[in-house]
PDB file of N, CA and C in Angstrom:
ATOM      1  N   UNK A   1     148.916 120.777  83.660  1.00  0.00           N
ATOM      2  CA  UNK A   1     148.723 122.131  84.150  1.00  0.00           C
ATOM      3  C   UNK A   1     149.786 123.041  83.517  1.00  0.00           C
ATOM      4  N   UNK A   2     149.343 123.752  82.560  1.00  0.00           N
ATOM      5  CA  UNK A   2     150.235 124.686  81.793  1.00  0.00           C
ATOM      6  C   UNK A   2     150.130 126.159  82.304  1.00  0.00           C
ATOM      7  N   UNK A   3     150.982 127.037  81.920  1.00  0.00           N
ATOM      8  CA  UNK A   3     150.950 128.409  82.181  1.00  0.00           C
ATOM      9  C   UNK A   3     150.330 129.050  80.900  1.00  0.00           C
ATOM     10  N   UNK A   4     149.468 129.975  81.071  1.00  0.00           N
ATOM     11  CA  UNK A   4     148.917 130.645  79.912  1.00  0.00           C
ATOM     12  C   UNK A   4     149.875 131.687  79.447  1.00  0.00           C
ATOM     13  N   UNK A   5     149.766 132.139  78.198  1.00  0.00           N
ATOM     14  CA  UNK A   5     150.676 133.157  77.665  1.00  0.00           C
ATOM     15  C   UNK A   5     150.537 134.503  78.457  1.00  0.00           C
ATOM     16  N   UNK A   6     149.393 134.729  79.023  1.00  0.00           N
ATOM     17  CA  UNK A   6     149.205 136.012  79.709  1.00  0.00           C
ATOM     18  C   UNK A   6     149.739 135.992  81.057  1.00  0.00           C
ATOM     19  N   UNK A   7     150.050 134.844  81.687  1.00  0.00           N
ATOM     20  CA  UNK A   7     150.643 134.791  83.032  1.00  0.00           C
ATOM     21  C   UNK A   7     152.129 135.127  83.041  1.00  0.00           C
ATOM     22  N   UNK A   8     152.455 135.952  83.981  1.00  0.00           N
ATOM     23  CA  UNK A   8     153.784 136.402  84.143  1.00  0.00           C
ATOM     24  C   UNK A   8     154.336 136.278  85.618  1.00  0.00           C
ATOM     25  N   UNK A   9     153.362 136.168  86.559  1.00  0.00           N
ATOM     26  CA  UNK A   9     153.773 136.096  87.949  1.00  0.00           C
ATOM     27  C   UNK A   9     152.816 135.297  88.796  1.00  0.00           C
ATOM     28  N   UNK A  10     153.338 134.409  89.626  1.00  0.00           N
ATOM     29  CA  UNK A  10     152.544 133.492  90.510  1.00  0.00           C
ATOM     30  C   UNK A  10     153.107 133.722  91.898  1.00  0.00           C
ATOM     31  N   UNK A  11     152.355 134.267  92.834  1.00  0.00           N
ATOM     32  CA  UNK A  11     152.899 134.474  94.209  1.00  0.00           C
ATOM     33  C   UNK A  11     152.124 133.730  95.182  1.00  0.00           C
ATOM     34  N   UNK A  12     152.862 132.914  95.931  1.00  0.00           N
ATOM     35  CA  UNK A  12     152.354 132.010  96.913  1.00  0.00           C
ATOM     36  C   UNK A  12     151.993 132.843  98.207  1.00  0.00           C
ATOM     37  N   UNK A  13     150.961 132.482  98.855  1.00  0.00           N
ATOM     38  CA  UNK A  13     150.579 133.060 100.127  1.00  0.00           C
ATOM     39  C   UNK A  13     150.416 131.933 101.064  1.00  0.00           C
ATOM     40  N   UNK A  14     150.722 132.196 102.342  1.00  0.00           N
ATOM     41  CA  UNK A  14     150.407 131.321 103.444  1.00  0.00           C
ATOM     42  C   UNK A  14     149.106 131.660 104.125  1.00  0.00           C
ATOM     43  N   UNK A  15     148.331 130.739 104.389  1.00  0.00           N
ATOM     44  CA  UNK A  15     147.087 130.885 105.094  1.00  0.00           C
ATOM     45  C   UNK A  15     147.002 130.066 106.379  1.00  0.00           C
ATOM     46  N   UNK A  16     146.332 130.592 107.320  1.00  0.00           N
ATOM     47  CA  UNK A  16     146.159 129.946 108.592  1.00  0.00           C
ATOM     48  C   UNK A  16     144.930 128.999 108.579  1.00  0.00           C
ATOM     49  N   UNK A  17     145.181 127.704 108.740  1.00  0.00           N
ATOM     50  CA  UNK A  17     144.132 126.736 108.742  1.00  0.00           C
ATOM     51  C   UNK A  17     144.362 125.917 110.008  1.00  0.00           C
ATOM     52  N   UNK A  18     143.411 125.845 110.914  1.00  0.00           N
ATOM     53  CA  UNK A  18     143.478 125.055 112.105  1.00  0.00           C
ATOM     54  C   UNK A  18     144.826 125.306 112.868  1.00  0.00           C
ATOM     55  N   UNK A  19     145.121 126.592 113.004  1.00  0.00           N
ATOM     56  CA  UNK A  19     146.301 126.997 113.681  1.00  0.00           C
ATOM     57  C   UNK A  19     147.661 126.556 113.084  1.00  0.00           C
ATOM     58  N   UNK A  20     147.671 126.241 111.789  1.00  0.00           N
ATOM     59  CA  UNK A  20     148.851 125.946 110.995  1.00  0.00           C
ATOM     60  C   UNK A  20     148.873 126.793 109.778  1.00  0.00           C
ATOM     61  N   UNK A  21     150.117 127.242 109.408  1.00  0.00           N
ATOM     62  CA  UNK A  21     150.307 127.909 108.136  1.00  0.00           C
ATOM     63  C   UNK A  21     150.357 126.932 107.033  1.00  0.00           C
ATOM     64  N   UNK A  22     149.612 127.061 105.961  1.00  0.00           N
ATOM     65  CA  UNK A  22     149.628 126.204 104.872  1.00  0.00           C
ATOM     66  C   UNK A  22     149.753 127.015 103.601  1.00  0.00           C
ATOM     67  N   UNK A  23     150.166 126.352 102.472  1.00  0.00           N
ATOM     68  CA  UNK A  23     150.219 127.064 101.159  1.00  0.00           C
ATOM     69  C   UNK A  23     148.750 127.256 100.676  1.00  0.00           C
ATOM     70  N   UNK A  24     148.618 128.400  99.949  1.00  0.00           N
ATOM     71  CA  UNK A  24     147.352 128.630  99.311  1.00  0.00           C
ATOM     72  C   UNK A  24     147.334 127.841  97.920  1.00  0.00           C
ATOM     73  N   UNK A  25     146.273 128.008  97.161  1.00  0.00           N
ATOM     74  CA  UNK A  25     146.142 127.299  95.939  1.00  0.00           C
ATOM     75  C   UNK A  25     147.260 127.703  94.971  1.00  0.00           C
ATOM     76  N   UNK A  26     147.757 128.894  94.981  1.00  0.00           N
ATOM     77  CA  UNK A  26     148.847 129.302  94.127  1.00  0.00           C
ATOM     78  C   UNK A  26     150.181 128.568  94.512  1.00  0.00           C
ATOM     79  N   UNK A  27     150.365 128.469  95.817  1.00  0.00           N
ATOM     80  CA  UNK A  27     151.492 127.699  96.242  1.00  0.00           C
ATOM     81  C   UNK A  27     151.496 126.277  95.813  1.00  0.00           C
ATOM     82  N   UNK A  28     150.330 125.665  95.844  1.00  0.00           N
ATOM     83  CA  UNK A  28     150.148 124.275  95.415  1.00  0.00           C
ATOM     84  C   UNK A  28     150.432 124.185  93.924  1.00  0.00           C
ATOM     85  N   UNK A  29     149.966 125.226  93.144  1.00  0.00           N
ATOM     86  CA  UNK A  29     150.164 125.235  91.720  1.00  0.00           C
ATOM     87  C   UNK A  29     151.640 125.312  91.374  1.00  0.00           C
ATOM     88  N   UNK A  30     152.342 126.209  92.070  1.00  0.00           N
ATOM     89  CA  UNK A  30     153.840 126.378  91.885  1.00  0.00           C
ATOM     90  C   UNK A  30     154.440 125.037  92.100  1.00  0.00           C
ATOM     91  N   UNK A  31     154.119 124.358  93.157  1.00  0.00           N
ATOM     92  CA  UNK A  31     154.749 123.073  93.443  1.00  0.00           C
ATOM     93  C   UNK A  31     154.520 122.047  92.320  1.00  0.00           C
ATOM     94  N   UNK A  32     153.359 122.043  91.764  1.00  0.00           N
ATOM     95  CA  UNK A  32     153.057 121.109  90.627  1.00  0.00           C
ATOM     96  C   UNK A  32     153.898 121.571  89.394  1.00  0.00           C
ATOM     97  N   UNK A  33     153.892 122.823  89.136  1.00  0.00           N
ATOM     98  CA  UNK A  33     154.656 123.262  87.944  1.00  0.00           C
ATOM     99  C   UNK A  33     156.159 122.962  87.974  1.00  0.00           C
ATOM    100  N   UNK A  34     156.730 123.232  89.164  1.00  0.00           N
ATOM    101  CA  UNK A  34     158.225 123.064  89.201  1.00  0.00           C
ATOM    102  C   UNK A  34     158.615 121.566  89.300  1.00  0.00           C
ATOM    103  N   UNK A  35     157.695 120.760  89.755  1.00  0.00           N
ATOM    104  CA  UNK A  35     157.907 119.331  89.942  1.00  0.00           C
ATOM    105  C   UNK A  35     157.505 118.406  88.760  1.00  0.00           C
ATOM    106  N   UNK A  36     156.561 118.900  88.039  1.00  0.00           N
ATOM    107  CA  UNK A  36     155.982 118.086  87.002  1.00  0.00           C
ATOM    108  C   UNK A  36     155.871 118.677  85.575  1.00  0.00           C
ATOM    109  N   UNK A  37     156.070 119.997  85.420  1.00  0.00           N
ATOM    110  CA  UNK A  37     155.901 120.529  84.134  1.00  0.00           C
ATOM    111  C   UNK A  37     157.053 121.386  83.620  1.00  0.00           C
ATOM    112  N   UNK A  38     157.499 122.371  84.412  1.00  0.00           N
ATOM    113  CA  UNK A  38     158.568 123.262  83.971  1.00  0.00           C
ATOM    114  C   UNK A  38     159.922 122.407  83.996  1.00  0.00           C
ATOM    115  N   UNK A  39     160.784 122.803  83.043  1.00  0.00           N
ATOM    116  CA  UNK A  39     162.123 122.096  83.027  1.00  0.00           C
ATOM    117  C   UNK A  39     163.094 122.927  83.881  1.00  0.00           C
ATOM    118  N   UNK A  40     163.732 122.335  84.853  1.00  0.00           N
ATOM    119  CA  UNK A  40     164.698 122.976  85.632  1.00  0.00           C
ATOM    120  C   UNK A  40     165.989 123.157  84.865  1.00  0.00           C
ATOM    121  N   UNK A  41     166.531 124.381  84.762  1.00  0.00           N
ATOM    122  CA  UNK A  41     167.804 124.564  84.016  1.00  0.00           C
ATOM    123  C   UNK A  41     169.019 124.701  84.893  1.00  0.00           C
ATOM    124  N   UNK A  42     168.891 125.628  85.930  1.00  0.00           N
ATOM    125  CA  UNK A  42     170.032 125.844  86.777  1.00  0.00           C
ATOM    126  C   UNK A  42     169.580 126.650  88.012  1.00  0.00           C
ATOM    127  N   UNK A  43     170.497 126.735  88.923  1.00  0.00           N
ATOM    128  CA  UNK A  43     170.305 127.563  90.117  1.00  0.00           C
ATOM    129  C   UNK A  43     171.272 128.676  90.198  1.00  0.00           C
ATOM    130  N   UNK A  44     170.926 129.794  90.809  1.00  0.00           N
ATOM    131  CA  UNK A  44     171.822 130.908  91.056  1.00  0.00           C
ATOM    132  C   UNK A  44     172.950 130.524  91.838  1.00  0.00           C
ATOM    133  N   UNK A  45     174.043 131.273  91.901  1.00  0.00           N
ATOM    134  CA  UNK A  45     175.159 131.021  92.677  1.00  0.00           C
ATOM    135  C   UNK A  45     174.874 130.907  94.152  1.00  0.00           C
ATOM    136  N   UNK A  46     173.872 131.643  94.610  1.00  0.00           N
ATOM    137  CA  UNK A  46     173.578 131.670  96.033  1.00  0.00           C
ATOM    138  C   UNK A  46     172.767 130.397  96.506  1.00  0.00           C
ATOM    139  N   UNK A  47     172.266 129.595  95.483  1.00  0.00           N
ATOM    140  CA  UNK A  47     171.613 128.375  95.710  1.00  0.00           C
ATOM    141  C   UNK A  47     170.109 128.550  95.978  1.00  0.00           C
ATOM    142  N   UNK A  48     169.620 129.711  96.021  1.00  0.00           N
ATOM    143  CA  UNK A  48     168.199 129.962  96.371  1.00  0.00           C
ATOM    144  C   UNK A  48     167.356 130.052  95.135  1.00  0.00           C
ATOM    145  N   UNK A  49     167.645 130.902  94.294  1.00  0.00           N
ATOM    146  CA  UNK A  49     166.839 131.101  93.075  1.00  0.00           C
ATOM    147  C   UNK A  49     167.199 130.093  92.034  1.00  0.00           C
ATOM    148  N   UNK A  50     166.054 129.680  91.274  1.00  0.00           N
ATOM    149  CA  UNK A  50     166.186 128.585  90.295  1.00  0.00           C
ATOM    150  C   UNK A  50     165.600 129.033  89.004  1.00  0.00           C
ATOM    151  N   UNK A  51     166.271 128.718  87.889  1.00  0.00           N
ATOM    152  CA  UNK A  51     165.724 129.111  86.588  1.00  0.00           C
ATOM    153  C   UNK A  51     165.149 127.833  85.905  1.00  0.00           C
ATOM    154  N   UNK A  52     163.908 128.013  85.395  1.00  0.00           N
ATOM    155  CA  UNK A  52     163.124 126.971  84.707  1.00  0.00           C
ATOM    156  C   UNK A  52     162.806 127.484  83.307  1.00  0.00           C
ATOM    157  N   UNK A  53     162.360 126.615  82.519  1.00  0.00           N
ATOM    158  CA  UNK A  53     161.872 126.820  81.225  1.00  0.00           C
ATOM    159  C   UNK A  53     160.545 126.181  80.865  1.00  0.00           C
ATOM    160  N   UNK A  54     159.640 126.843  80.273  1.00  0.00           N
ATOM    161  CA  UNK A  54     158.272 126.337  79.870  1.00  0.00           C
ATOM    162  C   UNK A  54     158.488 125.587  78.514  1.00  0.00           C
ATOM    163  N   UNK A  55     158.343 124.332  78.503  1.00  0.00           N
ATOM    164  CA  UNK A  55     158.527 123.634  77.248  1.00  0.00           C
ATOM    165  C   UNK A  55     157.490 123.875  76.168  1.00  0.00           C
ATOM    166  N   UNK A  56     156.381 124.510  76.539  1.00  0.00           N
ATOM    167  CA  UNK A  56     155.374 124.859  75.601  1.00  0.00           C
ATOM    168  C   UNK A  56     155.701 126.002  74.718  1.00  0.00           C
ATOM    169  N   UNK A  57     156.329 127.006  75.375  1.00  0.00           N
ATOM    170  CA  UNK A  57     156.536 128.307  74.662  1.00  0.00           C
ATOM    171  C   UNK A  57     158.024 128.775  74.755  1.00  0.00           C
ATOM    172  N   UNK A  58     158.830 128.142  75.551  1.00  0.00           N
ATOM    173  CA  UNK A  58     160.228 128.494  75.657  1.00  0.00           C
ATOM    174  C   UNK A  58     160.546 129.642  76.551  1.00  0.00           C
ATOM    175  N   UNK A  59     159.542 130.169  77.277  1.00  0.00           N
ATOM    176  CA  UNK A  59     159.775 131.290  78.205  1.00  0.00           C
ATOM    177  C   UNK A  59     160.525 130.845  79.446  1.00  0.00           C
ATOM    178  N   UNK A  60     161.336 131.663  79.914  1.00  0.00           N
ATOM    179  CA  UNK A  60     162.121 131.409  81.161  1.00  0.00           C
ATOM    180  C   UNK A  60     161.271 131.839  82.347  1.00  0.00           C
ATOM    181  N   UNK A  61     161.315 131.014  83.452  1.00  0.00           N
ATOM    182  CA  UNK A  61     160.605 131.295  84.631  1.00  0.00           C
ATOM    183  C   UNK A  61     161.654 131.069  85.810  1.00  0.00           C
ATOM    184  N   UNK A  62     161.557 131.983  86.801  1.00  0.00           N
ATOM    185  CA  UNK A  62     162.500 131.929  87.956  1.00  0.00           C
ATOM    186  C   UNK A  62     161.673 131.759  89.246  1.00  0.00           C
ATOM    187  N   UNK A  63     162.152 130.833  90.062  1.00  0.00           N
ATOM    188  CA  UNK A  63     161.571 130.571  91.295  1.00  0.00           C
ATOM    189  C   UNK A  63     162.395 131.370  92.291  1.00  0.00           C
ATOM    190  N   UNK A  64     161.834 132.268  93.086  1.00  0.00           N
ATOM    191  CA  UNK A  64     162.485 133.141  94.075  1.00  0.00           C
ATOM    192  C   UNK A  64     161.743 133.100  95.400  1.00  0.00           C
ATOM    193  N   UNK A  65     162.503 133.558  96.409  1.00  0.00           N
ATOM    194  CA  UNK A  65     161.815 133.733  97.761  1.00  0.00           C
ATOM    195  C   UNK A  65     162.017 135.130  98.167  1.00  0.00           C
ATOM    196  N   UNK A  66     161.040 135.980  97.818  1.00  0.00           N
ATOM    197  CA  UNK A  66     161.017 137.421  98.120  1.00  0.00           C
ATOM    198  C   UNK A  66     161.039 137.740  99.627  1.00  0.00           C
ATOM    199  N   UNK A  67     160.610 136.863 100.473  1.00  0.00           N
ATOM    200  CA  UNK A  67     160.520 137.087 101.850  1.00  0.00           C
ATOM    201  C   UNK A  67     161.580 136.144 102.527  1.00  0.00           C
ATOM    202  N   UNK A  68     162.696 136.092 101.985  1.00  0.00           N
ATOM    203  CA  UNK A  68     163.760 135.013 102.415  1.00  0.00           C
ATOM    204  C   UNK A  68     164.182 135.170 103.885  1.00  0.00           C
ATOM    205  N   UNK A  69     163.819 136.270 104.529  1.00  0.00           N
ATOM    206  CA  UNK A  69     164.101 136.431 105.929  1.00  0.00           C
ATOM    207  C   UNK A  69     163.233 135.539 106.824  1.00  0.00           C
ATOM    208  N   UNK A  70     162.128 135.011 106.240  1.00  0.00           N
ATOM    209  CA  UNK A  70     161.184 134.244 107.033  1.00  0.00           C
ATOM    210  C   UNK A  70     161.700 132.819 107.130  1.00  0.00           C
ATOM    211  N   UNK A  71     161.187 132.108 108.077  1.00  0.00           N
ATOM    212  CA  UNK A  71     161.638 130.702 108.364  1.00  0.00           C
ATOM    213  C   UNK A  71     161.324 129.905 107.057  1.00  0.00           C
ATOM    214  N   UNK A  72     162.294 129.150 106.680  1.00  0.00           N
ATOM    215  CA  UNK A  72     162.161 128.277 105.504  1.00  0.00           C
ATOM    216  C   UNK A  72     162.160 129.025 104.172  1.00  0.00           C
ATOM    217  N   UNK A  73     162.494 130.305 104.210  1.00  0.00           N
ATOM    218  CA  UNK A  73     162.611 131.071 103.032  1.00  0.00           C
ATOM    219  C   UNK A  73     161.326 131.867 102.678  1.00  0.00           C
ATOM    220  N   UNK A  74     160.216 131.557 103.408  1.00  0.00           N
ATOM    221  CA  UNK A  74     158.915 132.241 103.183  1.00  0.00           C
ATOM    222  C   UNK A  74     158.283 131.777 101.947  1.00  0.00           C
ATOM    223  N   UNK A  75     157.160 132.527 101.557  1.00  0.00           N
ATOM    224  CA  UNK A  75     156.461 132.212 100.365  1.00  0.00           C
ATOM    225  C   UNK A  75     157.276 132.359  99.111  1.00  0.00           C
ATOM    226  N   UNK A  76     156.995 131.498  98.132  1.00  0.00           N
ATOM    227  CA  UNK A  76     157.703 131.494  96.892  1.00  0.00           C
ATOM    228  C   UNK A  76     156.991 132.330  95.851  1.00  0.00           C
ATOM    229  N   UNK A  77     157.777 132.733  94.838  1.00  0.00           N
ATOM    230  CA  UNK A  77     157.160 133.471  93.651  1.00  0.00           C
ATOM    231  C   UNK A  77     157.826 132.845  92.436  1.00  0.00           C
ATOM    232  N   UNK A  78     156.996 132.636  91.483  1.00  0.00           N
ATOM    233  CA  UNK A  78     157.358 132.097  90.157  1.00  0.00           C
ATOM    234  C   UNK A  78     157.070 133.197  89.199  1.00  0.00           C
ATOM    235  N   UNK A  79     158.205 133.761  88.591  1.00  0.00           N
ATOM    236  CA  UNK A  79     158.022 134.924  87.658  1.00  0.00           C
ATOM    237  C   UNK A  79     158.685 134.632  86.371  1.00  0.00           C
ATOM    238  N   UNK A  80     158.087 135.182  85.379  1.00  0.00           N
ATOM    239  CA  UNK A  80     158.531 135.085  83.947  1.00  0.00           C
ATOM    240  C   UNK A  80     159.677 136.022  83.813  1.00  0.00           C
ATOM    241  N   UNK A  81     160.833 135.595  83.151  1.00  0.00           N
ATOM    242  CA  UNK A  81     161.944 136.456  82.959  1.00  0.00           C
ATOM    243  C   UNK A  81     162.157 136.614  81.425  1.00  0.00           C
ATOM    244  N   UNK A  82     162.515 137.793  81.006  1.00  0.00           N
ATOM    245  CA  UNK A  82     162.889 138.056  79.640  1.00  0.00           C
ATOM    246  C   UNK A  82     164.287 137.331  79.512  1.00  0.00           C
ATOM    247  N   UNK A  83     164.579 137.061  78.256  1.00  0.00           N
ATOM    248  CA  UNK A  83     165.878 136.358  77.997  1.00  0.00           C
ATOM    249  C   UNK A  83     167.122 137.119  78.468  1.00  0.00           C
ATOM    250  N   UNK A  84     167.000 138.410  78.319  1.00  0.00           N
ATOM    251  CA  UNK A  84     168.186 139.315  78.747  1.00  0.00           C
ATOM    252  C   UNK A  84     168.291 139.277  80.357  1.00  0.00           C
ATOM    253  N   UNK A  85     167.190 139.250  81.025  1.00  0.00           N
ATOM    254  CA  UNK A  85     167.258 139.172  82.392  1.00  0.00           C
ATOM    255  C   UNK A  85     167.788 137.844  82.892  1.00  0.00           C
ATOM    256  N   UNK A  86     167.414 136.737  82.308  1.00  0.00           N
ATOM    257  CA  UNK A  86     167.928 135.410  82.621  1.00  0.00           C
ATOM    258  C   UNK A  86     169.440 135.425  82.295  1.00  0.00           C
ATOM    259  N   UNK A  87     169.799 135.932  81.161  1.00  0.00           N
ATOM    260  CA  UNK A  87     171.312 135.965  80.798  1.00  0.00           C
ATOM    261  C   UNK A  87     172.125 136.672  81.843  1.00  0.00           C
ATOM    262  N   UNK A  88     171.622 137.828  82.269  1.00  0.00           N
ATOM    263  CA  UNK A  88     172.369 138.696  83.217  1.00  0.00           C
ATOM    264  C   UNK A  88     172.500 137.927  84.511  1.00  0.00           C
ATOM    265  N   UNK A  89     171.559 137.265  84.982  1.00  0.00           N
ATOM    266  CA  UNK A  89     171.564 136.546  86.306  1.00  0.00           C
ATOM    267  C   UNK A  89     172.334 135.238  86.286  1.00  0.00           C
ATOM    268  N   UNK A  90     172.046 134.465  85.195  1.00  0.00           N
ATOM    269  CA  UNK A  90     172.462 133.048  85.123  1.00  0.00           C
ATOM    270  C   UNK A  90     173.635 132.809  84.191  1.00  0.00           C
ATOM    271  N   UNK A  91     173.979 133.778  83.457  1.00  0.00           N
ATOM    272  CA  UNK A  91     175.142 133.687  82.491  1.00  0.00           C
ATOM    273  C   UNK A  91     174.550 133.732  81.085  1.00  0.00           C
ATOM    274  N   UNK A  92     175.126 134.637  80.343  1.00  0.00           N
ATOM    275  CA  UNK A  92     174.691 134.862  78.900  1.00  0.00           C
ATOM    276  C   UNK A  92     174.984 133.596  78.097  1.00  0.00           C
ATOM    277  N   UNK A  93     176.104 133.083  78.161  1.00  0.00           N
ATOM    278  CA  UNK A  93     176.452 131.940  77.369  1.00  0.00           C
ATOM    279  C   UNK A  93     175.504 130.722  77.621  1.00  0.00           C
ATOM    280  N   UNK A  94     175.247 130.505  78.985  1.00  0.00           N
ATOM    281  CA  UNK A  94     174.385 129.366  79.343  1.00  0.00           C
ATOM    282  C   UNK A  94     172.990 129.613  78.818  1.00  0.00           C
ATOM    283  N   UNK A  95     172.413 130.739  79.094  1.00  0.00           N
ATOM    284  CA  UNK A  95     171.004 131.044  78.701  1.00  0.00           C
ATOM    285  C   UNK A  95     170.754 131.048  77.238  1.00  0.00           C
ATOM    286  N   UNK A  96     171.658 131.698  76.498  1.00  0.00           N
ATOM    287  CA  UNK A  96     171.462 131.779  75.139  1.00  0.00           C
ATOM    288  C   UNK A  96     171.641 130.491  74.301  1.00  0.00           C
ATOM    289  N   UNK A  97     172.398 129.633  74.903  1.00  0.00           N
ATOM    290  CA  UNK A  97     172.612 128.268  74.207  1.00  0.00           C
ATOM    291  C   UNK A  97     171.533 127.250  74.693  1.00  0.00           C
ATOM    292  N   UNK A  98     170.914 127.566  75.802  1.00  0.00           N
ATOM    293  CA  UNK A  98     169.926 126.584  76.388  1.00  0.00           C
ATOM    294  C   UNK A  98     168.530 126.731  75.692  1.00  0.00           C
ATOM    295  N   UNK A  99     168.064 125.597  75.345  1.00  0.00           N
ATOM    296  CA  UNK A  99     166.638 125.550  74.825  1.00  0.00           C
ATOM    297  C   UNK A  99     165.953 124.489  75.493  1.00  0.00           C
ATOM    298  N   UNK A 100     164.657 124.754  75.631  1.00  0.00           N
ATOM    299  CA  UNK A 100     163.775 123.727  76.223  1.00  0.00           C
ATOM    300  C   UNK A 100     163.583 122.641  75.318  1.00  0.00           C
ATOM    301  N   UNK A 101     163.319 121.413  75.831  1.00  0.00           N
ATOM    302  CA  UNK A 101     162.990 120.206  74.996  1.00  0.00           C
ATOM    303  C   UNK A 101     161.681 120.636  74.247  1.00  0.00           C
ATOM    304  N   UNK A 102     161.698 120.412  73.000  1.00  0.00           N
ATOM    305  CA  UNK A 102     160.399 120.578  72.254  1.00  0.00           C
ATOM    306  C   UNK A 102     160.414 122.033  71.631  1.00  0.00           C
ATOM    307  N   UNK A 103     161.389 122.843  71.965  1.00  0.00           N
ATOM    308  CA  UNK A 103     161.471 124.227  71.445  1.00  0.00           C
ATOM    309  C   UNK A 103     162.685 124.390  70.640  1.00  0.00           C
TER     310      UNK A 103
END
């Protein structure tokens, strides 16, 4: 399950099924991507946001919780970051030296 070059944002939604909130298909895809495809690089100092790299094209991806006030951090968002954005948040030296395996 790869990310297409045109993809830049995946936003999870919770849906009510049989009186229980569950992840939608995008949430399930995010789970597979972060556990089986994307390479985890580091976490932000607050411990919530995580930086990943796509081994196919070297793009940086960040897993964030935009509704962090919700129980469990709320729905997740996986968004593509430009190198300068990743460097600003996660450290220029770290990001500029880091390369994905295969890239």
